[in-house]
Amino acid sequence: MKQLHAIVKGKVQGVWFRAWAQDLARDLGLRGWVRNMPGGHVETVAQGDEEILKRFHESLLEGPPLARVSEIDMDWSTVEEQFTNFSVKY
């Protein structure tokens, strides 16, 4: 199992990005979380099969219809703390 940590930049707050990412991750069978960050970015950590995580990343590049993703900073790692579901952090 792999882990993807991503900071999504652009117009990604106030456009339902977190709910969209949560639905997408759950549909893909991923675990982890998503949250808004100060400065207008969205942060997510997702765990699962590497190929599925690549699909998740590709979808993050597009975002939901109202979002405008300009950049994603990401890194890959092995799982240290295993999550049980995918949630929105507030």
PDB file of N, CA and C in Angstrom:
ATOM      1  N   MET A   1       0.845  -1.174   0.000  1.00  0.00           N
ATOM      2  CA  MET A   1       0.000   0.000   0.000  1.00  0.00           C
ATOM      3  C   MET A   1       0.896   1.244   0.000  1.00  0.00           C
ATOM      4  N   LYS A   2       0.506   2.232  -0.795  1.00  0.00           N
ATOM      5  CA  LYS A   2       1.241   3.491  -0.909  1.00  0.00           C
ATOM      6  C   LYS A   2       0.410   4.630  -0.323  1.00  0.00           C
ATOM      7  N   GLN A   3       1.084   5.754  -0.127  1.00  0.00           N
ATOM      8  CA  GLN A   3       0.416   6.944   0.375  1.00  0.00           C
ATOM      9  C   GLN A   3       0.797   8.133  -0.492  1.00  0.00           C
ATOM     10  N   LEU A   4      -0.203   8.925  -0.853  1.00  0.00           N
ATOM     11  CA  LEU A   4      -0.017  10.150  -1.621  1.00  0.00           C
ATOM     12  C   LEU A   4      -0.379  11.326  -0.732  1.00  0.00           C
ATOM     13  N   HIS A   5       0.536  12.280  -0.615  1.00  0.00           N
ATOM     14  CA  HIS A   5       0.270  13.531   0.094  1.00  0.00           C
ATOM     15  C   HIS A   5       0.295  14.632  -0.951  1.00  0.00           C
ATOM     16  N   ALA A   6      -0.780  15.416  -1.034  1.00  0.00           N
ATOM     17  CA  ALA A   6      -0.870  16.445  -2.074  1.00  0.00           C
ATOM     18  C   ALA A   6      -1.401  17.753  -1.505  1.00  0.00           C
ATOM     19  N   ILE A   7      -0.815  18.847  -1.993  1.00  0.00           N
ATOM     20  CA  ILE A   7      -1.304  20.190  -1.724  1.00  0.00           C
ATOM     21  C   ILE A   7      -1.815  20.718  -3.060  1.00  0.00           C
ATOM     22  N   VAL A   8      -3.113  20.968  -3.127  1.00  0.00           N
ATOM     23  CA  VAL A   8      -3.751  21.406  -4.365  1.00  0.00           C
ATOM     24  C   VAL A   8      -3.913  22.916  -4.300  1.00  0.00           C
ATOM     25  N   LYS A   9      -3.408  23.591  -5.337  1.00  0.00           N
ATOM     26  CA  LYS A   9      -3.425  25.053  -5.372  1.00  0.00           C
ATOM     27  C   LYS A   9      -4.309  25.553  -6.505  1.00  0.00           C
ATOM     28  N   GLY A  10      -4.779  26.771  -6.357  1.00  0.00           N
ATOM     29  CA  GLY A  10      -5.656  27.389  -7.350  1.00  0.00           C
ATOM     30  C   GLY A  10      -6.948  27.822  -6.683  1.00  0.00           C
ATOM     31  N   LYS A  11      -8.012  27.866  -7.445  1.00  0.00           N
ATOM     32  CA  LYS A  11      -9.332  28.174  -6.882  1.00  0.00           C
ATOM     33  C   LYS A  11      -9.944  26.855  -6.440  1.00  0.00           C
ATOM     34  N   VAL A  12      -9.628  26.471  -5.196  1.00  0.00           N
ATOM     35  CA  VAL A  12     -10.036  25.152  -4.712  1.00  0.00           C
ATOM     36  C   VAL A  12     -10.791  25.203  -3.380  1.00  0.00           C
ATOM     37  N   GLN A  13     -11.011  26.396  -2.858  1.00  0.00           N
ATOM     38  CA  GLN A  13     -11.841  26.531  -1.666  1.00  0.00           C
ATOM     39  C   GLN A  13     -13.119  27.255  -2.058  1.00  0.00           C
ATOM     40  N   GLY A  14     -14.229  26.854  -1.435  1.00  0.00           N
ATOM     41  CA  GLY A  14     -15.519  27.460  -1.738  1.00  0.00           C
ATOM     42  C   GLY A  14     -16.135  26.933  -3.025  1.00  0.00           C
ATOM     43  N   VAL A  15     -15.624  25.798  -3.519  1.00  0.00           N
ATOM     44  CA  VAL A  15     -16.134  25.217  -4.769  1.00  0.00           C
ATOM     45  C   VAL A  15     -16.473  23.729  -4.595  1.00  0.00           C
ATOM     46  N   TRP A  16     -16.696  23.310  -3.367  1.00  0.00           N
ATOM     47  CA  TRP A  16     -17.062  21.929  -3.032  1.00  0.00           C
ATOM     48  C   TRP A  16     -15.929  20.940  -3.294  1.00  0.00           C
ATOM     49  N   PHE A  17     -14.680  21.410  -3.277  1.00  0.00           N
ATOM     50  CA  PHE A  17     -13.551  20.539  -3.584  1.00  0.00           C
ATOM     51  C   PHE A  17     -13.411  19.401  -2.572  1.00  0.00           C
ATOM     52  N   ARG A  18     -13.530  19.711  -1.281  1.00  0.00           N
ATOM     53  CA  ARG A  18     -13.354  18.665  -0.257  1.00  0.00           C
ATOM     54  C   ARG A  18     -14.401  17.567  -0.383  1.00  0.00           C
ATOM     55  N   ALA A  19     -15.662  17.941  -0.549  1.00  0.00           N
ATOM     56  CA  ALA A  19     -16.723  16.931  -0.679  1.00  0.00           C
ATOM     57  C   ALA A  19     -16.525  16.105  -1.941  1.00  0.00           C
ATOM     58  N   TRP A  20     -16.141  16.769  -3.025  1.00  0.00           N
ATOM     59  CA  TRP A  20     -15.882  16.073  -4.286  1.00  0.00           C
ATOM     60  C   TRP A  20     -14.719  15.087  -4.124  1.00  0.00           C
ATOM     61  N   ALA A  21     -13.635  15.532  -3.486  1.00  0.00           N
ATOM     62  CA  ALA A  21     -12.472  14.659  -3.283  1.00  0.00           C
ATOM     63  C   ALA A  21     -12.831  13.470  -2.384  1.00  0.00           C
ATOM     64  N   GLN A  22     -13.639  13.714  -1.368  1.00  0.00           N
ATOM     65  CA  GLN A  22     -14.062  12.630  -0.486  1.00  0.00           C
ATOM     66  C   GLN A  22     -14.886  11.601  -1.255  1.00  0.00           C
ATOM     67  N   ASP A  23     -15.841  12.052  -2.046  1.00  0.00           N
ATOM     68  CA  ASP A  23     -16.660  11.130  -2.845  1.00  0.00           C
ATOM     69  C   ASP A  23     -15.800  10.332  -3.817  1.00  0.00           C
ATOM     70  N   LEU A  24     -14.883  11.017  -4.483  1.00  0.00           N
ATOM     71  CA  LEU A  24     -13.993  10.355  -5.433  1.00  0.00           C
ATOM     72  C   LEU A  24     -13.143   9.304  -4.739  1.00  0.00           C
ATOM     73  N   ALA A  25     -12.532   9.674  -3.626  1.00  0.00           N
ATOM     74  CA  ALA A  25     -11.670   8.739  -2.898  1.00  0.00           C
ATOM     75  C   ALA A  25     -12.458   7.522  -2.421  1.00  0.00           C
ATOM     76  N   ARG A  26     -13.641   7.749  -1.907  1.00  0.00           N
ATOM     77  CA  ARG A  26     -14.469   6.622  -1.448  1.00  0.00           C
ATOM     78  C   ARG A  26     -14.860   5.728  -2.612  1.00  0.00           C
ATOM     79  N   ASP A  27     -15.213   6.325  -3.757  1.00  0.00           N
ATOM     80  CA  ASP A  27     -15.551   5.530  -4.940  1.00  0.00           C
ATOM     81  C   ASP A  27     -14.373   4.674  -5.399  1.00  0.00           C
ATOM     82  N   LEU A  28     -13.162   5.199  -5.231  1.00  0.00           N
ATOM     83  CA  LEU A  28     -11.953   4.467  -5.630  1.00  0.00           C
ATOM     84  C   LEU A  28     -11.473   3.486  -4.559  1.00  0.00           C
ATOM     85  N   GLY A  29     -12.092   3.519  -3.379  1.00  0.00           N
ATOM     86  CA  GLY A  29     -11.702   2.618  -2.300  1.00  0.00           C
ATOM     87  C   GLY A  29     -10.467   3.081  -1.548  1.00  0.00           C
ATOM     88  N   LEU A  30     -10.193   4.380  -1.562  1.00  0.00           N
ATOM     89  CA  LEU A  30      -9.025   4.921  -0.873  1.00  0.00           C
ATOM     90  C   LEU A  30      -9.376   5.308   0.556  1.00  0.00           C
ATOM     91  N   ARG A  31      -8.343   5.425   1.375  1.00  0.00           N
ATOM     92  CA  ARG A  31      -8.495   5.879   2.759  1.00  0.00           C
ATOM     93  C   ARG A  31      -7.647   7.118   2.957  1.00  0.00           C
ATOM     94  N   GLY A  32      -8.027   7.956   3.917  1.00  0.00           N
ATOM     95  CA  GLY A  32      -7.243   9.142   4.213  1.00  0.00           C
ATOM     96  C   GLY A  32      -8.120  10.307   4.596  1.00  0.00           C
ATOM     97  N   TRP A  33      -7.722  11.513   4.176  1.00  0.00           N
ATOM     98  CA  TRP A  33      -8.475  12.713   4.533  1.00  0.00           C
ATOM     99  C   TRP A  33      -8.171  13.850   3.568  1.00  0.00           C
ATOM    100  N   VAL A  34      -9.013  14.890   3.644  1.00  0.00           N
ATOM    101  CA  VAL A  34      -8.846  16.116   2.862  1.00  0.00           C
ATOM    102  C   VAL A  34      -9.246  17.277   3.763  1.00  0.00           C
ATOM    103  N   ARG A  35      -8.543  18.429   3.613  1.00  0.00           N
ATOM    104  CA  ARG A  35      -8.876  19.595   4.431  1.00  0.00           C
ATOM    105  C   ARG A  35      -8.446  20.882   3.726  1.00  0.00           C
ATOM    106  N   ASN A  36      -9.119  21.989   4.094  1.00  0.00           N
ATOM    107  CA  ASN A  36      -8.704  23.305   3.641  1.00  0.00           C
ATOM    108  C   ASN A  36      -7.489  23.743   4.449  1.00  0.00           C
ATOM    109  N   MET A  37      -6.642  24.525   3.799  1.00  0.00           N
ATOM    110  CA  MET A  37      -5.462  25.071   4.458  1.00  0.00           C
ATOM    111  C   MET A  37      -5.538  26.595   4.432  1.00  0.00           C
ATOM    112  N   PRO A  38      -4.857  27.242   5.365  1.00  0.00           N
ATOM    113  CA  PRO A  38      -4.746  28.695   5.275  1.00  0.00           C
ATOM    114  C   PRO A  38      -4.072  29.061   3.942  1.00  0.00           C
ATOM    115  N   GLY A  39      -4.465  30.148   3.371  1.00  0.00           N
ATOM    116  CA  GLY A  39      -3.879  30.557   2.106  1.00  0.00           C
ATOM    117  C   GLY A  39      -4.650  30.092   0.889  1.00  0.00           C
ATOM    118  N   GLY A  40      -5.733  29.327   1.112  1.00  0.00           N
ATOM    119  CA  GLY A  40      -6.590  28.947  -0.002  1.00  0.00           C
ATOM    120  C   GLY A  40      -6.285  27.623  -0.667  1.00  0.00           C
ATOM    121  N   HIS A  41      -5.340  26.847  -0.134  1.00  0.00           N
ATOM    122  CA  HIS A  41      -5.006  25.549  -0.711  1.00  0.00           C
ATOM    123  C   HIS A  41      -5.842  24.452  -0.061  1.00  0.00           C
ATOM    124  N   VAL A  42      -5.829  23.276  -0.687  1.00  0.00           N
ATOM    125  CA  VAL A  42      -6.455  22.084  -0.117  1.00  0.00           C
ATOM    126  C   VAL A  42      -5.375  21.020   0.026  1.00  0.00           C
ATOM    127  N   GLU A  43      -5.349  20.360   1.175  1.00  0.00           N
ATOM    128  CA  GLU A  43      -4.383  19.296   1.445  1.00  0.00           C
ATOM    129  C   GLU A  43      -5.114  17.973   1.535  1.00  0.00           C
ATOM    130  N   THR A  44      -4.511  16.930   0.988  1.00  0.00           N
ATOM    131  CA  THR A  44      -5.098  15.602   1.094  1.00  0.00           C
ATOM    132  C   THR A  44      -4.001  14.556   1.294  1.00  0.00           C
ATOM    133  N   VAL A  45      -4.341  13.539   2.038  1.00  0.00           N
ATOM    134  CA  VAL A  45      -3.521  12.348   2.194  1.00  0.00           C
ATOM    135  C   VAL A  45      -4.409  11.175   1.821  1.00  0.00           C
ATOM    136  N   ALA A  46      -3.951  10.364   0.877  1.00  0.00           N
ATOM    137  CA  ALA A  46      -4.740   9.214   0.430  1.00  0.00           C
ATOM    138  C   ALA A  46      -3.864   7.971   0.438  1.00  0.00           C
ATOM    139  N   GLN A  47      -4.447   6.867   0.843  1.00  0.00           N
ATOM    140  CA  GLN A  47      -3.744   5.587   0.921  1.00  0.00           C
ATOM    141  C   GLN A  47      -4.473   4.551   0.088  1.00  0.00           C
ATOM    142  N   GLY A  48      -3.685   3.712  -0.584  1.00  0.00           N
ATOM    143  CA  GLY A  48      -4.269   2.637  -1.368  1.00  0.00           C
ATOM    144  C   GLY A  48      -3.276   2.095  -2.371  1.00  0.00           C
ATOM    145  N   ASP A  49      -3.788   1.356  -3.331  1.00  0.00           N
ATOM    146  CA  ASP A  49      -2.982   0.806  -4.403  1.00  0.00           C
ATOM    147  C   ASP A  49      -2.385   1.938  -5.240  1.00  0.00           C
ATOM    148  N   GLU A  50      -1.137   1.813  -5.647  1.00  0.00           N
ATOM    149  CA  GLU A  50      -0.449   2.888  -6.369  1.00  0.00           C
ATOM    150  C   GLU A  50      -1.162   3.291  -7.658  1.00  0.00           C
ATOM    151  N   GLU A  51      -1.671   2.328  -8.407  1.00  0.00           N
ATOM    152  CA  GLU A  51      -2.360   2.654  -9.658  1.00  0.00           C
ATOM    153  C   GLU A  51      -3.649   3.437  -9.403  1.00  0.00           C
ATOM    154  N   ILE A  52      -4.356   3.085  -8.341  1.00  0.00           N
ATOM    155  CA  ILE A  52      -5.584   3.808  -7.992  1.00  0.00           C
ATOM    156  C   ILE A  52      -5.225   5.218  -7.518  1.00  0.00           C
ATOM    157  N   LEU A  53      -4.142   5.346  -6.761  1.00  0.00           N
ATOM    158  CA  LEU A  53      -3.701   6.660  -6.309  1.00  0.00           C
ATOM    159  C   LEU A  53      -3.316   7.548  -7.491  1.00  0.00           C
ATOM    160  N   LYS A  54      -2.749   6.964  -8.533  1.00  0.00           N
ATOM    161  CA  LYS A  54      -2.419   7.735  -9.738  1.00  0.00           C
ATOM    162  C   LYS A  54      -3.695   8.253 -10.393  1.00  0.00           C
ATOM    163  N   ARG A  55      -4.738   7.437 -10.411  1.00  0.00           N
ATOM    164  CA  ARG A  55      -6.031   7.883 -10.950  1.00  0.00           C
ATOM    165  C   ARG A  55      -6.611   9.020 -10.112  1.00  0.00           C
ATOM    166  N   PHE A  56      -6.478   8.899  -8.794  1.00  0.00           N
ATOM    167  CA  PHE A  56      -6.940   9.944  -7.882  1.00  0.00           C
ATOM    168  C   PHE A  56      -6.188  11.247  -8.176  1.00  0.00           C
ATOM    169  N   HIS A  57      -4.872  11.157  -8.316  1.00  0.00           N
ATOM    170  CA  HIS A  57      -4.057  12.333  -8.618  1.00  0.00           C
ATOM    171  C   HIS A  57      -4.476  12.985  -9.932  1.00  0.00           C
ATOM    172  N   GLU A  58      -4.682  12.188 -10.954  1.00  0.00           N
ATOM    173  CA  GLU A  58      -5.116  12.728 -12.250  1.00  0.00           C
ATOM    174  C   GLU A  58      -6.450  13.463 -12.118  1.00  0.00           C
ATOM    175  N   SER A  59      -7.349  12.920 -11.320  1.00  0.00           N
ATOM    176  CA  SER A  59      -8.638  13.580 -11.107  1.00  0.00           C
ATOM    177  C   SER A  59      -8.480  14.868 -10.307  1.00  0.00           C
ATOM    178  N   LEU A  60      -7.555  14.883  -9.346  1.00  0.00           N
ATOM    179  CA  LEU A  60      -7.302  16.097  -8.578  1.00  0.00           C
ATOM    180  C   LEU A  60      -6.849  17.236  -9.486  1.00  0.00           C
ATOM    181  N   LEU A  61      -6.115  16.911 -10.531  1.00  0.00           N
ATOM    182  CA  LEU A  61      -5.655  17.935 -11.476  1.00  0.00           C
ATOM    183  C   LEU A  61      -6.815  18.659 -12.147  1.00  0.00           C
ATOM    184  N   GLU A  62      -7.926  17.959 -12.318  1.00  0.00           N
ATOM    185  CA  GLU A  62      -9.128  18.544 -12.928  1.00  0.00           C
ATOM    186  C   GLU A  62     -10.008  19.211 -11.878  1.00  0.00           C
ATOM    187  N   GLY A  63     -10.247  18.516 -10.774  1.00  0.00           N
ATOM    188  CA  GLY A  63     -11.114  19.038  -9.726  1.00  0.00           C
ATOM    189  C   GLY A  63     -12.572  19.028 -10.135  1.00  0.00           C
ATOM    190  N   PRO A  64     -13.441  19.492  -9.235  1.00  0.00           N
ATOM    191  CA  PRO A  64     -14.871  19.583  -9.546  1.00  0.00           C
ATOM    192  C   PRO A  64     -15.117  20.733 -10.527  1.00  0.00           C
ATOM    193  N   PRO A  65     -16.321  20.825 -11.085  1.00  0.00           N
ATOM    194  CA  PRO A  65     -16.599  21.803 -12.142  1.00  0.00           C
ATOM    195  C   PRO A  65     -16.252  23.258 -11.817  1.00  0.00           C
ATOM    196  N   LEU A  66     -16.473  23.723 -10.596  1.00  0.00           N
ATOM    197  CA  LEU A  66     -16.222  25.131 -10.268  1.00  0.00           C
ATOM    198  C   LEU A  66     -14.772  25.416  -9.884  1.00  0.00           C
ATOM    199  N   ALA A  67     -13.976  24.382  -9.671  1.00  0.00           N
ATOM    200  CA  ALA A  67     -12.575  24.565  -9.256  1.00  0.00           C
ATOM    201  C   ALA A  67     -11.691  24.900 -10.455  1.00  0.00           C
ATOM    202  N   ARG A  68     -10.586  25.545 -10.168  1.00  0.00           N
ATOM    203  CA  ARG A  68      -9.549  25.820 -11.157  1.00  0.00           C
ATOM    204  C   ARG A  68      -8.209  25.469 -10.523  1.00  0.00           C
ATOM    205  N   VAL A  69      -7.741  24.259 -10.766  1.00  0.00           N
ATOM    206  CA  VAL A  69      -6.482  23.795 -10.185  1.00  0.00           C
ATOM    207  C   VAL A  69      -5.330  24.351 -11.008  1.00  0.00           C
ATOM    208  N   SER A  70      -4.410  25.026 -10.326  1.00  0.00           N
ATOM    209  CA  SER A  70      -3.252  25.595 -11.019  1.00  0.00           C
ATOM    210  C   SER A  70      -1.996  24.755 -10.825  1.00  0.00           C
ATOM    211  N   GLU A  71      -1.928  24.037  -9.715  1.00  0.00           N
ATOM    212  CA  GLU A  71      -0.709  23.286  -9.397  1.00  0.00           C
ATOM    213  C   GLU A  71      -0.990  22.297  -8.273  1.00  0.00           C
ATOM    214  N   ILE A  72      -0.254  21.185  -8.280  1.00  0.00           N
ATOM    215  CA  ILE A  72      -0.320  20.237  -7.173  1.00  0.00           C
ATOM    216  C   ILE A  72       1.102  19.895  -6.751  1.00  0.00           C
ATOM    217  N   ASP A  73       1.407  20.147  -5.485  1.00  0.00           N
ATOM    218  CA  ASP A  73       2.659  19.680  -4.892  1.00  0.00           C
ATOM    219  C   ASP A  73       2.350  18.334  -4.266  1.00  0.00           C
ATOM    220  N   MET A  74       3.118  17.314  -4.604  1.00  0.00           N
ATOM    221  CA  MET A  74       2.800  15.991  -4.071  1.00  0.00           C
ATOM    222  C   MET A  74       4.049  15.207  -3.754  1.00  0.00           C
ATOM    223  N   ASP A  75       3.890  14.250  -2.864  1.00  0.00           N
ATOM    224  CA  ASP A  75       4.962  13.304  -2.597  1.00  0.00           C
ATOM    225  C   ASP A  75       4.357  11.951  -2.259  1.00  0.00           C
ATOM    226  N   TRP A  76       5.134  10.929  -2.550  1.00  0.00           N
ATOM    227  CA  TRP A  76       4.732   9.544  -2.316  1.00  0.00           C
ATOM    228  C   TRP A  76       5.519   8.998  -1.137  1.00  0.00           C
ATOM    229  N   SER A  77       4.895   8.111  -0.382  1.00  0.00           N
ATOM    230  CA  SER A  77       5.585   7.447   0.718  1.00  0.00           C
ATOM    231  C   SER A  77       4.907   6.105   0.984  1.00  0.00           C
ATOM    232  N   THR A  78       5.516   5.344   1.863  1.00  0.00           N
ATOM    233  CA  THR A  78       4.872   4.128   2.331  1.00  0.00           C
ATOM    234  C   THR A  78       3.960   4.511   3.495  1.00  0.00           C
ATOM    235  N   VAL A  79       3.004   3.683   3.768  1.00  0.00           N
ATOM    236  CA  VAL A  79       2.021   3.968   4.818  1.00  0.00           C
ATOM    237  C   VAL A  79       2.648   3.782   6.186  1.00  0.00           C
ATOM    238  N   GLU A  80       2.545   4.827   7.015  1.00  0.00           N
ATOM    239  CA  GLU A  80       3.021   4.740   8.398  1.00  0.00           C
ATOM    240  C   GLU A  80       1.851   4.555   9.358  1.00  0.00           C
ATOM    241  N   GLU A  81       0.826   5.377   9.178  1.00  0.00           N
ATOM    242  CA  GLU A  81      -0.384   5.287   9.985  1.00  0.00           C
ATOM    243  C   GLU A  81      -1.530   4.948   9.039  1.00  0.00           C
ATOM    244  N   GLN A  82      -2.155   3.806   9.233  1.00  0.00           N
ATOM    245  CA  GLN A  82      -3.210   3.369   8.326  1.00  0.00           C
ATOM    246  C   GLN A  82      -4.551   3.942   8.760  1.00  0.00           C
ATOM    247  N   PHE A  83      -5.254   4.564   7.819  1.00  0.00           N
ATOM    248  CA  PHE A  83      -6.572   5.131   8.090  1.00  0.00           C
ATOM    249  C   PHE A  83      -7.650   4.083   7.806  1.00  0.00           C
ATOM    250  N   THR A  84      -8.823   4.276   8.406  1.00  0.00           N
ATOM    251  CA  THR A  84      -9.911   3.309   8.242  1.00  0.00           C
ATOM    252  C   THR A  84     -10.938   3.743   7.203  1.00  0.00           C
ATOM    253  N   ASN A  85     -10.956   5.046   6.853  1.00  0.00           N
ATOM    254  CA  ASN A  85     -11.907   5.563   5.874  1.00  0.00           C
ATOM    255  C   ASN A  85     -11.316   6.812   5.235  1.00  0.00           C
ATOM    256  N   PHE A  86     -12.109   7.518   4.438  1.00  0.00           N
ATOM    257  CA  PHE A  86     -11.671   8.791   3.874  1.00  0.00           C
ATOM    258  C   PHE A  86     -12.617   9.867   4.389  1.00  0.00           C
ATOM    259  N   SER A  87     -12.073  10.872   5.061  1.00  0.00           N
ATOM    260  CA  SER A  87     -12.912  11.866   5.708  1.00  0.00           C
ATOM    261  C   SER A  87     -12.481  13.285   5.358  1.00  0.00           C
ATOM    262  N   VAL A  88     -13.367  14.210   5.652  1.00  0.00           N
ATOM    263  CA  VAL A  88     -13.062  15.639   5.534  1.00  0.00           C
ATOM    264  C   VAL A  88     -12.678  16.111   6.924  1.00  0.00           C
ATOM    265  N   LYS A  89     -11.503  16.750   7.023  1.00  0.00           N
ATOM    266  CA  LYS A  89     -11.073  17.337   8.289  1.00  0.00           C
ATOM    267  C   LYS A  89     -11.462  18.810   8.295  1.00  0.00           C
ATOM    268  N   TYR A  90     -11.931  19.259   9.446  1.00  0.00           N
ATOM    269  CA  TYR A  90     -12.313  20.679   9.599  1.00  0.00           C
ATOM    270  C   TYR A  90     -11.388  21.362  10.567  1.00  0.00           C
TER     271      TYR A  90
END
